[in-house]
Amino acid sequence: MIYRNLIKQILEFSNVVKRWFLIRTLYNALSFFDFIKVPLY
């Protein structure tokens, strides 16, 4: 039971990390595209 709970916690933590990394990557991409758009206009 202890090992099962530990694995569950690790999986939940990895999901949180993946979600945070994805959000950060999207935010950086949007910021990068905004930075490119500024000199064009």
N, C-alpha and C. Protein backbone atom coordinates (compact mmCIF):
# COMPACT_ATOMS: atom_id res chain seq x y z
N MET A 1 0.83 -1.21 0.00
CA MET A 1 0.00 0.00 0.00
C MET A 1 0.87 1.26 0.00
N ILE A 2 1.93 1.23 0.78
CA ILE A 2 2.80 2.41 0.85
C ILE A 2 3.42 2.68 -0.52
N TYR A 3 3.89 1.60 -1.17
CA TYR A 3 4.50 1.78 -2.49
C TYR A 3 3.49 2.30 -3.50
N ARG A 4 2.25 1.82 -3.41
CA ARG A 4 1.21 2.25 -4.34
C ARG A 4 0.93 3.75 -4.16
N ASN A 5 0.85 4.18 -2.91
CA ASN A 5 0.62 5.61 -2.65
C ASN A 5 1.79 6.45 -3.15
N LEU A 6 3.00 5.94 -2.95
CA LEU A 6 4.19 6.65 -3.40
C LEU A 6 4.19 6.81 -4.92
N ILE A 7 3.87 5.73 -5.63
CA ILE A 7 3.81 5.77 -7.09
C ILE A 7 2.73 6.76 -7.54
N LYS A 8 1.59 6.75 -6.85
CA LYS A 8 0.50 7.67 -7.18
C LYS A 8 0.95 9.12 -7.01
N GLN A 9 1.65 9.41 -5.91
CA GLN A 9 2.14 10.76 -5.67
C GLN A 9 3.15 11.17 -6.74
N ILE A 10 4.03 10.25 -7.11
CA ILE A 10 5.04 10.55 -8.13
C ILE A 10 4.37 10.85 -9.47
N LEU A 11 3.36 10.05 -9.84
CA LEU A 11 2.65 10.29 -11.10
C LEU A 11 1.92 11.62 -11.08
N GLU A 12 1.27 11.95 -9.97
CA GLU A 12 0.58 13.24 -9.87
C GLU A 12 1.57 14.39 -9.99
N PHE A 13 2.71 14.26 -9.31
CA PHE A 13 3.73 15.30 -9.36
C PHE A 13 4.26 15.48 -10.78
N SER A 14 4.51 14.36 -11.48
CA SER A 14 5.02 14.45 -12.85
C SER A 14 3.99 15.08 -13.78
N ASN A 15 2.69 14.80 -13.54
CA ASN A 15 1.65 15.45 -14.34
C ASN A 15 1.63 16.95 -14.11
N VAL A 16 1.80 17.37 -12.87
CA VAL A 16 1.84 18.80 -12.55
C VAL A 16 3.04 19.46 -13.24
N VAL A 17 4.19 18.79 -13.17
CA VAL A 17 5.40 19.33 -13.80
C VAL A 17 5.22 19.45 -15.31
N LYS A 18 4.65 18.41 -15.92
CA LYS A 18 4.41 18.44 -17.38
C LYS A 18 3.48 19.58 -17.76
N ARG A 19 2.39 19.73 -16.98
CA ARG A 19 1.43 20.79 -17.26
C ARG A 19 2.10 22.16 -17.14
N TRP A 20 2.90 22.36 -16.07
CA TRP A 20 3.58 23.63 -15.85
C TRP A 20 4.57 23.90 -16.98
N PHE A 21 5.31 22.86 -17.39
CA PHE A 21 6.30 23.01 -18.46
C PHE A 21 5.61 23.37 -19.78
N LEU A 22 4.45 22.72 -20.05
CA LEU A 22 3.70 23.01 -21.27
C LEU A 22 3.21 24.45 -21.28
N ILE A 23 2.64 24.89 -20.15
CA ILE A 23 2.15 26.27 -20.04
C ILE A 23 3.30 27.26 -20.23
N ARG A 24 4.44 26.97 -19.61
CA ARG A 24 5.58 27.87 -19.72
C ARG A 24 6.09 27.92 -21.16
N THR A 25 6.14 26.76 -21.83
CA THR A 25 6.59 26.71 -23.22
C THR A 25 5.66 27.51 -24.12
N LEU A 26 4.34 27.34 -23.93
CA LEU A 26 3.37 28.10 -24.72
C LEU A 26 3.52 29.59 -24.46
N TYR A 27 3.70 29.98 -23.20
CA TYR A 27 3.85 31.39 -22.85
C TYR A 27 5.10 31.97 -23.49
N ASN A 28 6.21 31.22 -23.44
CA ASN A 28 7.45 31.68 -24.06
C ASN A 28 7.29 31.81 -25.57
N ALA A 29 6.59 30.87 -26.19
CA ALA A 29 6.37 30.92 -27.64
C ALA A 29 5.55 32.15 -28.00
N LEU A 30 4.49 32.42 -27.24
CA LEU A 30 3.66 33.60 -27.49
C LEU A 30 4.46 34.87 -27.30
N SER A 31 5.27 34.94 -26.26
CA SER A 31 6.11 36.11 -26.01
C SER A 31 7.10 36.29 -27.16
N PHE A 32 7.66 35.19 -27.63
CA PHE A 32 8.63 35.24 -28.72
C PHE A 32 7.97 35.77 -30.00
N PHE A 33 6.76 35.28 -30.30
CA PHE A 33 6.06 35.75 -31.50
C PHE A 33 5.67 37.22 -31.36
N ASP A 34 5.27 37.65 -30.17
CA ASP A 34 4.97 39.06 -29.95
C ASP A 34 6.22 39.90 -30.17
N PHE A 35 7.36 39.40 -29.73
CA PHE A 35 8.63 40.12 -29.89
C PHE A 35 8.98 40.25 -31.38
N ILE A 36 8.68 39.21 -32.17
CA ILE A 36 8.94 39.25 -33.61
C ILE A 36 7.98 40.24 -34.29
N LYS A 37 6.72 40.25 -33.84
CA LYS A 37 5.72 41.11 -34.47
C LYS A 37 6.00 42.59 -34.26
N VAL A 38 6.61 42.95 -33.15
CA VAL A 38 6.79 44.37 -32.82
C VAL A 38 7.59 45.12 -33.89
N PRO A 39 8.77 44.64 -34.34
CA PRO A 39 9.51 45.40 -35.35
C PRO A 39 8.81 45.44 -36.71
N LEU A 40 7.97 44.45 -37.02
CA LEU A 40 7.33 44.41 -38.33
C LEU A 40 6.30 45.52 -38.50
N TYR A 41 5.57 45.84 -37.42
CA TYR A 41 4.52 46.85 -37.55
C TYR A 41 5.07 48.25 -37.33
